[in-house]
N, C-alpha and C. Protein backbone atom coordinates (compact mmCIF):
# COMPACT_ATOMS: atom_id res chain seq x y z
N MET A 1 35.20 91.10 106.05
CA MET A 1 34.42 91.56 106.41
C MET A 1 34.25 93.14 106.19
N SER A 2 32.94 93.85 105.65
CA SER A 2 32.82 94.81 105.13
C SER A 2 33.33 95.96 106.11
N LEU A 3 33.42 96.95 105.27
CA LEU A 3 33.34 97.94 106.00
C LEU A 3 32.26 99.24 105.56
N ILE A 4 31.06 98.51 104.65
CA ILE A 4 30.33 99.44 103.83
C ILE A 4 29.59 99.85 105.21
N GLN A 5 29.09 101.60 105.28
CA GLN A 5 28.17 102.16 106.03
C GLN A 5 28.86 102.17 107.73
N LYS A 6 30.58 101.88 107.39
CA LYS A 6 31.32 102.11 108.89
C LYS A 6 32.08 103.17 108.74
N LEU A 7 32.63 103.79 109.90
CA LEU A 7 33.60 105.02 109.90
C LEU A 7 34.94 104.39 109.31
N ALA A 8 35.61 104.58 108.54
CA ALA A 8 36.68 104.12 107.82
C ALA A 8 37.88 104.08 109.19
N PRO A 9 38.47 103.14 108.84
CA PRO A 9 39.60 103.09 109.79
C PRO A 9 40.74 104.43 109.75
N ASP A 10 40.56 105.09 110.59
CA ASP A 10 41.75 106.22 110.52
C ASP A 10 43.18 105.67 110.40
N PHE A 11 44.07 106.28 110.05
CA PHE A 11 45.57 106.03 109.81
C PHE A 11 46.42 107.17 109.86
N GLN A 12 47.33 107.16 110.28
CA GLN A 12 48.36 108.35 109.74
C GLN A 12 49.71 107.39 108.87
N ALA A 13 50.43 107.73 107.92
CA ALA A 13 51.32 106.99 107.40
C ALA A 13 52.11 107.73 106.64
N THR A 14 53.20 107.86 106.23
CA THR A 14 54.08 108.48 105.33
C THR A 14 53.89 108.28 104.22
N ALA A 15 53.53 109.43 103.18
CA ALA A 15 52.77 109.60 102.05
C ALA A 15 54.22 110.29 101.00
N VAL A 16 54.11 109.81 99.55
CA VAL A 16 55.21 110.30 98.80
C VAL A 16 53.87 111.26 97.81
N TYR A 17 53.97 112.32 98.12
CA TYR A 17 53.11 113.36 97.71
C TYR A 17 53.71 114.11 96.16
N PRO A 18 52.69 114.48 95.21
CA PRO A 18 52.96 114.87 93.88
C PRO A 18 54.29 115.95 93.61
N ASP A 19 54.43 116.57 95.03
CA ASP A 19 55.81 117.27 94.54
C ASP A 19 56.70 116.73 95.02
N GLY A 20 57.19 115.13 95.01
CA GLY A 20 57.91 114.36 95.66
C GLY A 20 58.34 114.26 96.70
N GLU A 21 58.15 115.02 97.91
CA GLU A 21 58.57 114.90 98.91
C GLU A 21 57.48 113.98 99.88
N ALA A 22 58.05 113.58 100.55
CA ALA A 22 57.71 112.51 102.09
C ALA A 22 57.39 113.28 103.05
N ARG A 23 55.92 112.82 103.56
CA ARG A 23 55.50 113.64 104.62
C ARG A 23 53.96 113.31 105.40
N PRO A 24 53.79 113.26 106.22
CA PRO A 24 52.73 112.29 107.24
C PRO A 24 51.68 112.74 106.14
N LEU A 25 50.45 111.71 106.08
CA LEU A 25 48.89 111.95 105.84
C LEU A 25 48.16 111.20 106.60
N ARG A 26 47.24 111.77 106.99
CA ARG A 26 46.17 111.45 108.10
C ARG A 26 45.12 111.35 107.79
N LEU A 27 44.55 110.05 107.08
CA LEU A 27 43.03 110.28 106.80
C LEU A 27 41.85 111.01 107.33
N SER A 28 41.88 111.18 108.40
CA SER A 28 40.78 111.95 109.16
C SER A 28 41.05 113.36 108.64
N ASP A 29 41.88 113.95 108.20
CA ASP A 29 42.10 115.11 107.61
C ASP A 29 41.48 115.51 106.73
N TYR A 30 40.60 114.95 105.80
CA TYR A 30 39.88 115.24 104.77
C TYR A 30 38.50 115.31 104.82
N ARG A 31 38.35 114.44 106.50
CA ARG A 31 36.78 114.51 107.00
C ARG A 31 36.27 115.97 107.12
N GLY A 32 34.97 115.73 106.52
CA GLY A 32 34.56 117.23 106.57
C GLY A 32 34.70 118.01 105.38
N LYS A 33 35.50 118.01 104.51
CA LYS A 33 36.01 118.87 103.16
C LYS A 33 36.03 118.06 102.18
N ARG A 34 36.32 116.75 102.17
CA ARG A 34 36.30 115.99 100.38
C ARG A 34 35.79 114.69 100.83
N ASN A 35 35.51 114.07 99.75
CA ASN A 35 35.44 112.32 99.49
C ASN A 35 36.52 111.87 99.41
N VAL A 36 36.96 110.49 99.59
CA VAL A 36 38.24 110.19 99.31
C VAL A 36 38.36 108.52 98.53
N VAL A 37 39.15 108.69 97.62
CA VAL A 37 39.02 107.44 97.38
C VAL A 37 40.49 106.87 97.72
N LEU A 38 40.38 105.80 98.30
CA LEU A 38 41.78 104.93 98.67
C LEU A 38 41.69 103.95 97.72
N ILE A 39 43.12 103.79 97.18
CA ILE A 39 43.29 102.45 95.91
C ILE A 39 44.42 102.08 96.52
N PHE A 40 44.38 100.97 97.07
CA PHE A 40 45.41 99.51 97.60
C PHE A 40 45.64 99.00 96.40
N TYR A 41 47.13 98.68 96.34
CA TYR A 41 47.87 97.58 94.95
C TYR A 41 49.01 96.86 95.51
N PRO A 42 49.39 95.99 95.15
CA PRO A 42 50.14 94.68 95.66
C PRO A 42 51.99 95.52 95.68
N PHE A 43 52.26 96.23 94.77
CA PHE A 43 53.94 96.48 94.91
C PHE A 43 53.80 97.21 93.76
N ASP A 44 55.10 98.60 94.35
CA ASP A 44 55.35 99.16 93.19
C ASP A 44 56.47 98.37 92.29
N PHE A 45 57.15 98.82 90.79
CA PHE A 45 57.67 98.25 90.27
C PHE A 45 57.32 96.80 89.85
N THR A 46 56.15 96.27 89.36
CA THR A 46 55.34 95.45 88.66
C THR A 46 54.51 95.38 87.49
N PHE A 47 54.11 94.46 87.17
CA PHE A 47 53.67 94.88 85.56
C PHE A 47 52.49 95.33 85.51
N LEU A 48 51.12 94.90 86.54
CA LEU A 48 50.18 95.64 86.35
C LEU A 48 49.95 97.03 87.10
N CYS A 49 50.58 97.02 88.41
CA CYS A 49 50.58 98.13 89.17
C CYS A 49 50.42 99.33 88.25
N PRO A 50 51.67 99.39 87.64
CA PRO A 50 51.94 100.70 86.91
C PRO A 50 50.64 101.34 86.17
N THR A 51 49.89 100.07 85.63
CA THR A 51 48.95 100.57 84.58
C THR A 51 47.58 101.28 85.20
N GLU A 52 47.40 100.80 86.43
CA GLU A 52 46.39 101.31 87.43
C GLU A 52 46.70 102.89 87.63
N ILE A 53 47.94 102.89 88.84
CA ILE A 53 48.60 104.10 89.03
C ILE A 53 48.39 105.06 88.02
N LEU A 54 48.87 104.78 86.70
CA LEU A 54 49.41 105.61 85.89
C LEU A 54 48.04 105.83 85.26
N ALA A 55 46.75 105.44 85.12
CA ALA A 55 45.19 105.42 84.77
C ALA A 55 44.65 106.25 85.58
N PHE A 56 44.62 106.05 86.89
CA PHE A 56 44.24 106.92 87.73
C PHE A 56 44.82 108.69 88.10
N SER A 57 46.25 108.49 87.80
CA SER A 57 46.34 109.81 87.75
C SER A 57 46.16 110.90 86.32
N LYS A 58 46.06 110.06 85.37
CA LYS A 58 45.78 110.34 83.89
C LYS A 58 44.38 111.37 84.31
N HIS A 59 43.49 110.70 85.16
CA HIS A 59 42.03 111.40 85.25
C HIS A 59 42.09 112.26 86.54
N ILE A 60 43.34 112.50 87.12
CA ILE A 60 43.29 113.25 88.28
C ILE A 60 42.53 114.67 88.49
N ALA A 61 42.31 115.40 86.82
CA ALA A 61 41.52 116.41 87.21
C ALA A 61 39.89 115.85 87.44
N ASP A 62 39.67 114.63 86.78
CA ASP A 62 38.22 113.99 87.02
C ASP A 62 37.72 114.36 88.16
N PHE A 63 38.88 113.38 89.10
CA PHE A 63 38.84 113.55 90.91
C PHE A 63 38.65 114.95 91.26
N GLU A 64 39.32 115.50 90.71
CA GLU A 64 39.63 117.16 91.36
C GLU A 64 37.99 117.90 91.01
N ARG A 65 37.73 117.84 90.09
CA ARG A 65 36.21 118.15 89.79
C ARG A 65 35.00 117.80 90.90
N ARG A 66 35.07 116.96 91.26
CA ARG A 66 34.66 116.22 91.79
C ARG A 66 34.50 116.40 93.41
N ASN A 67 35.92 117.13 93.84
CA ASN A 67 36.33 117.39 95.25
C ASN A 67 36.61 116.10 95.84
N VAL A 68 37.12 115.18 95.09
CA VAL A 68 37.56 114.03 95.42
C VAL A 68 39.32 114.24 95.72
N GLN A 69 39.66 113.28 96.98
CA GLN A 69 41.16 113.03 97.06
C GLN A 69 41.07 111.52 96.70
N LEU A 70 42.24 111.26 95.69
CA LEU A 70 42.66 110.26 95.69
C LEU A 70 43.73 109.87 96.13
N ILE A 71 44.28 108.74 96.89
CA ILE A 71 45.11 108.42 97.68
C ILE A 71 45.76 107.05 97.23
N GLY A 72 46.90 106.73 96.94
CA GLY A 72 47.12 105.13 96.66
C GLY A 72 47.95 104.47 97.83
N CYS A 73 48.18 103.43 97.97
CA CYS A 73 48.40 102.91 98.94
C CYS A 73 49.17 101.20 98.72
N SER A 74 50.19 101.13 99.42
CA SER A 74 51.18 99.95 99.07
C SER A 74 51.78 99.59 100.35
N ILE A 75 52.17 98.28 100.16
CA ILE A 75 53.36 98.28 101.29
C ILE A 75 54.56 98.23 101.04
N ASP A 76 54.96 99.11 100.44
CA ASP A 76 56.54 99.60 99.87
C ASP A 76 56.80 100.81 100.70
N SER A 77 58.25 101.02 100.99
CA SER A 77 58.43 102.18 102.16
C SER A 77 58.43 103.22 101.25
N HIS A 78 58.50 104.30 101.59
CA HIS A 78 58.17 105.82 100.62
C HIS A 78 59.72 106.11 99.82
N HIS A 79 60.56 105.38 100.44
CA HIS A 79 62.00 105.33 99.39
C HIS A 79 61.43 104.75 98.42
N VAL A 80 61.10 103.43 98.01
CA VAL A 80 60.64 102.64 97.19
C VAL A 80 59.49 103.73 96.02
N HIS A 81 58.17 104.37 97.11
CA HIS A 81 57.64 105.10 96.14
C HIS A 81 58.50 106.21 95.07
N ARG A 82 59.14 106.94 95.69
CA ARG A 82 60.06 107.92 95.32
C ARG A 82 60.81 107.42 94.15
N ALA A 83 61.31 106.37 94.37
CA ALA A 83 62.36 105.69 93.27
C ALA A 83 61.48 105.31 92.29
N TRP A 84 60.55 104.45 92.61
CA TRP A 84 59.61 104.60 91.29
C TRP A 84 58.76 105.45 90.73
N ARG A 85 58.39 106.94 91.42
CA ARG A 85 58.18 107.81 90.49
C ARG A 85 59.27 108.66 89.73
N ASN A 86 60.39 108.38 90.57
CA ASN A 86 61.74 109.03 89.97
C ASN A 86 61.82 108.08 88.65
N THR A 87 61.69 106.91 88.40
CA THR A 87 62.21 106.42 86.90
C THR A 87 60.96 106.31 85.93
N PRO A 88 61.12 106.74 84.69
CA PRO A 88 60.41 106.75 83.50
C PRO A 88 59.68 105.57 83.71
N PRO A 89 58.39 105.84 82.94
CA PRO A 89 57.32 104.68 82.50
C PRO A 89 57.43 103.61 81.45
N GLU A 90 58.46 104.13 80.59
CA GLU A 90 58.76 103.37 79.46
C GLU A 90 60.03 102.29 80.32
N GLN A 91 60.95 102.25 81.30
CA GLN A 91 61.75 101.82 82.38
C GLN A 91 60.84 101.17 83.44
N GLY A 92 59.90 101.02 83.53
CA GLY A 92 59.14 100.16 84.42
C GLY A 92 58.45 101.09 85.96
N GLY A 93 58.77 102.77 85.55
CA GLY A 93 58.16 103.27 86.67
C GLY A 93 57.12 103.98 86.28
N ILE A 94 56.49 104.97 87.21
CA ILE A 94 55.27 105.62 87.07
C ILE A 94 55.83 106.96 86.71
N GLY A 95 56.84 107.88 86.83
CA GLY A 95 56.56 109.40 86.84
C GLY A 95 56.17 109.97 88.06
N ALA A 96 56.10 111.19 87.50
CA ALA A 96 55.43 112.08 88.70
C ALA A 96 54.04 112.02 88.58
N ILE A 97 53.53 111.26 89.15
CA ILE A 97 52.03 111.08 89.43
C ILE A 97 51.20 112.21 90.51
N GLU A 98 50.02 112.59 90.19
CA GLU A 98 49.57 113.83 90.50
C GLU A 98 48.36 113.73 91.82
N TYR A 99 49.02 112.27 92.66
CA TYR A 99 48.17 112.12 93.95
C TYR A 99 49.37 111.11 94.83
N PRO A 100 49.09 111.41 96.36
CA PRO A 100 50.08 110.85 97.26
C PRO A 100 49.73 109.03 97.17
N LEU A 101 50.93 108.64 97.63
CA LEU A 101 51.22 107.31 97.68
C LEU A 101 51.66 107.14 99.14
N ILE A 102 50.90 106.49 99.97
CA ILE A 102 51.33 105.75 100.90
C ILE A 102 52.05 104.82 101.49
N ALA A 103 53.14 104.71 101.97
CA ALA A 103 53.82 103.67 102.26
C ALA A 103 53.48 103.09 104.07
N ASP A 104 52.85 101.51 103.62
CA ASP A 104 52.07 100.79 104.63
C ASP A 104 53.33 99.52 104.83
N VAL A 105 54.48 99.98 105.25
CA VAL A 105 55.55 99.28 105.19
C VAL A 105 55.25 97.93 106.73
N ASP A 106 54.52 98.12 107.63
CA ASP A 106 53.80 97.91 108.88
C ASP A 106 52.20 96.74 108.91
N ARG A 107 51.47 97.48 107.04
CA ARG A 107 50.97 96.69 106.87
C ARG A 107 49.67 96.51 107.87
N LEU A 108 49.33 97.88 108.61
CA LEU A 108 48.34 97.60 109.48
C LEU A 108 47.32 99.05 108.42
N VAL A 109 47.54 99.48 107.46
CA VAL A 109 46.48 99.90 106.87
C VAL A 109 45.77 98.67 105.96
N ALA A 110 46.10 98.26 105.32
CA ALA A 110 45.63 97.27 104.85
C ALA A 110 45.17 95.93 105.36
N ARG A 111 45.50 96.15 106.68
CA ARG A 111 44.63 95.10 107.14
C ARG A 111 43.48 95.57 108.26
N ASP A 112 43.35 97.06 108.56
CA ASP A 112 42.53 97.40 108.84
C ASP A 112 41.36 97.82 107.47
N PHE A 113 41.69 97.74 106.27
CA PHE A 113 40.70 97.69 105.23
C PHE A 113 40.32 96.26 104.72
N GLY A 114 41.08 95.30 105.53
CA GLY A 114 40.52 94.07 104.95
C GLY A 114 40.86 93.60 103.78
N VAL A 115 42.07 94.23 103.21
CA VAL A 115 42.76 93.57 102.06
C VAL A 115 44.05 93.00 101.74
N LEU A 116 44.59 92.87 103.37
CA LEU A 116 46.04 92.26 103.59
C LEU A 116 45.73 90.70 102.88
N LEU A 117 46.75 90.64 102.39
CA LEU A 117 46.46 88.92 101.96
C LEU A 117 47.78 88.13 102.43
N GLU A 118 47.43 86.50 102.57
CA GLU A 118 48.42 85.92 103.08
C GLU A 118 49.72 86.00 102.50
N GLY A 119 50.91 86.10 103.17
CA GLY A 119 51.95 86.62 102.18
C GLY A 119 52.47 87.98 102.74
N GLY A 120 51.55 88.65 103.05
CA GLY A 120 52.06 89.93 103.40
C GLY A 120 51.39 91.37 102.25
N MET A 121 50.79 90.86 100.88
CA MET A 121 51.16 91.81 100.07
C MET A 121 49.49 92.44 100.01
N ALA A 122 49.15 93.15 99.62
CA ALA A 122 47.68 93.83 99.54
C ALA A 122 46.91 93.72 98.18
N ALA A 123 45.82 93.08 98.35
CA ALA A 123 44.95 92.59 97.21
C ALA A 123 44.84 94.05 96.75
N ARG A 124 44.06 94.22 95.40
CA ARG A 124 43.58 95.38 94.81
C ARG A 124 42.27 95.54 95.46
N GLY A 125 42.61 96.78 96.08
CA GLY A 125 41.23 97.37 97.11
C GLY A 125 40.91 98.60 96.62
N THR A 126 39.76 98.87 96.34
CA THR A 126 39.17 100.29 95.87
C THR A 126 38.19 100.91 96.80
N PHE A 127 38.46 101.99 97.78
CA PHE A 127 37.70 102.35 98.71
C PHE A 127 37.16 103.76 98.62
N LEU A 128 35.62 104.06 98.58
CA LEU A 128 35.23 105.31 98.68
C LEU A 128 34.64 106.12 99.76
N ILE A 129 35.18 107.01 100.37
CA ILE A 129 35.07 107.53 102.14
C ILE A 129 33.97 108.75 101.57
N ASP A 130 32.99 108.62 102.09
CA ASP A 130 32.31 109.99 101.84
C ASP A 130 33.23 110.93 102.97
N ARG A 131 32.55 112.36 103.28
CA ARG A 131 32.98 113.48 103.85
C ARG A 131 32.89 113.50 105.40
N LYS A 132 31.83 112.37 105.46
CA LYS A 132 31.89 112.27 106.90
C LYS A 132 32.74 111.08 107.31
N GLY A 133 33.27 110.55 106.59
CA GLY A 133 34.48 109.67 107.00
C GLY A 133 34.04 108.06 106.93
N VAL A 134 32.94 107.84 106.44
CA VAL A 134 32.29 106.70 106.30
C VAL A 134 32.42 105.94 104.80
N VAL A 135 32.80 105.02 104.69
CA VAL A 135 32.82 103.74 103.78
C VAL A 135 31.53 103.71 103.04
N ARG A 136 31.31 104.01 101.64
CA ARG A 136 30.30 104.05 101.17
C ARG A 136 30.41 102.98 99.71
N HIS A 137 31.71 102.55 99.40
CA HIS A 137 31.68 101.78 98.67
C HIS A 137 33.15 101.23 98.43
N GLU A 138 33.49 99.59 98.50
CA GLU A 138 34.35 99.07 98.03
C GLU A 138 34.70 97.69 97.29
N LEU A 139 35.37 97.64 96.99
CA LEU A 139 35.94 96.82 95.85
C LEU A 139 37.11 96.04 95.82
N VAL A 140 36.87 94.77 96.10
CA VAL A 140 38.52 94.29 96.04
C VAL A 140 38.82 92.99 95.03
N ASN A 141 39.86 93.20 94.34
CA ASN A 141 39.92 92.21 93.55
C ASN A 141 41.23 91.96 93.61
N ASP A 142 41.13 90.30 93.16
CA ASP A 142 42.36 89.56 93.22
C ASP A 142 43.61 89.92 92.33
N LEU A 143 44.61 89.67 92.34
CA LEU A 143 45.97 90.66 91.78
C LEU A 143 45.90 90.24 90.54
N PRO A 144 45.42 89.58 89.98
CA PRO A 144 45.44 89.79 88.67
C PRO A 144 44.55 90.54 87.66
N LEU A 145 43.65 91.26 88.62
CA LEU A 145 42.12 91.77 88.11
C LEU A 145 42.46 93.47 87.84
N GLY A 146 42.71 94.16 87.04
CA GLY A 146 43.05 95.39 87.28
C GLY A 146 41.66 96.04 87.01
N ARG A 147 41.73 97.51 87.67
CA ARG A 147 40.36 98.07 87.85
C ARG A 147 39.92 98.98 86.85
N SER A 148 38.71 99.49 86.99
CA SER A 148 38.39 100.44 85.72
C SER A 148 38.36 101.99 86.21
N VAL A 149 38.93 102.67 86.21
CA VAL A 149 38.74 104.50 86.51
C VAL A 149 37.49 105.01 86.17
N GLU A 150 37.05 104.44 85.30
CA GLU A 150 36.07 104.91 84.61
C GLU A 150 34.63 104.59 84.99
N GLU A 151 34.75 103.66 86.11
CA GLU A 151 33.61 103.06 86.89
C GLU A 151 34.25 103.55 88.46
N THR A 152 35.03 103.36 88.64
CA THR A 152 35.22 104.41 89.83
C THR A 152 34.86 105.77 90.08
N LEU A 153 34.53 106.31 88.79
CA LEU A 153 34.36 108.02 88.69
C LEU A 153 32.91 108.25 88.92
N ARG A 154 32.23 106.60 88.25
CA ARG A 154 30.93 106.56 88.12
C ARG A 154 30.26 106.62 89.25
N ILE A 155 30.89 105.59 90.26
CA ILE A 155 30.44 105.26 91.49
C ILE A 155 30.69 106.95 92.43
N VAL A 156 31.65 107.79 92.27
CA VAL A 156 31.38 109.02 92.83
C VAL A 156 30.15 109.44 92.47
N ASP A 157 30.05 109.51 91.03
CA ASP A 157 28.75 110.37 90.72
C ASP A 157 27.73 110.07 91.44
N ALA A 158 27.36 108.43 91.22
CA ALA A 158 26.19 108.05 92.10
C ALA A 158 26.16 108.60 93.33
N LEU A 159 27.36 108.38 93.98
CA LEU A 159 27.46 108.84 95.34
C LEU A 159 26.73 110.57 95.43
N GLN A 160 27.62 111.23 94.91
CA GLN A 160 27.52 112.78 95.01
C GLN A 160 25.82 112.83 94.58
N TYR A 161 25.64 112.26 93.50
CA TYR A 161 23.80 112.19 93.37
C TYR A 161 23.13 111.93 94.35
N THR A 162 23.33 111.01 94.76
CA THR A 162 22.27 110.51 96.25
C THR A 162 22.61 111.25 97.20
N GLU A 163 23.68 111.95 97.47
CA GLU A 163 23.59 112.84 98.42
C GLU A 163 23.09 113.63 98.28
N GLU A 164 22.84 114.29 97.64
CA GLU A 164 22.61 115.73 96.43
C GLU A 164 20.80 115.51 96.61
N HIS A 165 20.30 114.37 95.83
CA HIS A 165 18.88 114.20 95.54
C HIS A 165 18.17 113.36 96.43
N GLY A 166 19.06 112.24 96.90
CA GLY A 166 17.86 111.44 98.45
C GLY A 166 17.65 110.42 97.35
N GLU A 167 18.05 110.29 96.04
CA GLU A 167 17.40 109.36 95.16
C GLU A 167 18.66 108.12 94.73
N ALA A 168 18.48 106.70 94.71
CA ALA A 168 18.68 105.73 94.36
C ALA A 168 19.65 105.55 92.84
N CYS A 169 20.74 105.25 92.28
CA CYS A 169 21.03 104.97 91.19
C CYS A 169 21.49 103.56 90.90
N PRO A 170 20.48 102.87 89.73
CA PRO A 170 20.94 102.04 89.08
C PRO A 170 21.75 101.48 88.94
N ASP A 171 22.41 100.52 88.12
CA ASP A 171 23.59 99.68 87.76
C ASP A 171 24.07 100.34 86.52
N GLU A 172 23.44 101.15 85.86
CA GLU A 172 24.05 101.79 84.11
C GLU A 172 23.77 103.26 84.22
N TRP A 173 23.63 104.06 85.54
CA TRP A 173 23.21 104.85 85.83
C TRP A 173 24.84 105.75 85.75
N THR A 174 24.58 107.02 84.81
CA THR A 174 25.67 107.72 84.71
C THR A 174 25.11 109.18 84.87
N LYS A 175 26.56 110.06 85.02
CA LYS A 175 25.79 111.65 85.26
C LYS A 175 25.12 112.18 84.50
N GLY A 176 24.11 112.86 84.57
CA GLY A 176 23.47 113.30 83.68
C GLY A 176 22.39 112.71 83.41
N LYS A 177 21.87 111.43 83.79
CA LYS A 177 21.02 110.27 83.00
C LYS A 177 19.57 110.55 84.42
N PRO A 178 18.77 110.57 84.08
CA PRO A 178 17.54 110.68 85.40
C PRO A 178 17.90 108.62 86.04
N PRO A 179 17.89 108.70 87.11
CA PRO A 179 17.91 107.29 87.99
C PRO A 179 17.03 106.52 87.37
N MET A 180 15.95 106.43 87.23
CA MET A 180 15.14 105.61 86.89
C MET A 180 14.15 105.81 85.72
């Protein structure tokens, strides 16, 4: 069932932050302050997941300029997240990425967002949550299908444009282009 136009399920979970430390992260702490892009991925130390995690991290300045908090989430523990961050990319790790990774070992966050698959892993879910805590965009891909960071940023721009101008943005709209 879709979460579009609904309040995002709140959670508190341990996350590994850009400084490498593990501490609690509560989704509702961003309410009223920032939009959030929450990305789910199946596992650390896999083939496709690091390509996405690194691509999102490479664009962290683009998210920051838009006042968007990027958060990653898998069912791995914070210990595994830390080990993955401490492993260089050329050895299957991700190195020091620039956004927090949530440890969803009890699978409650993945379940509440509707991306938990049979077998216990998360599908590749992307959720754009506005400053009021409402889900405004969701995209869920099957395991072998990677995501586009550029499309995620376009959707963020479209949301921010519609919030500011009250106009709809068609399929190929991009920032700086009139919507109609």
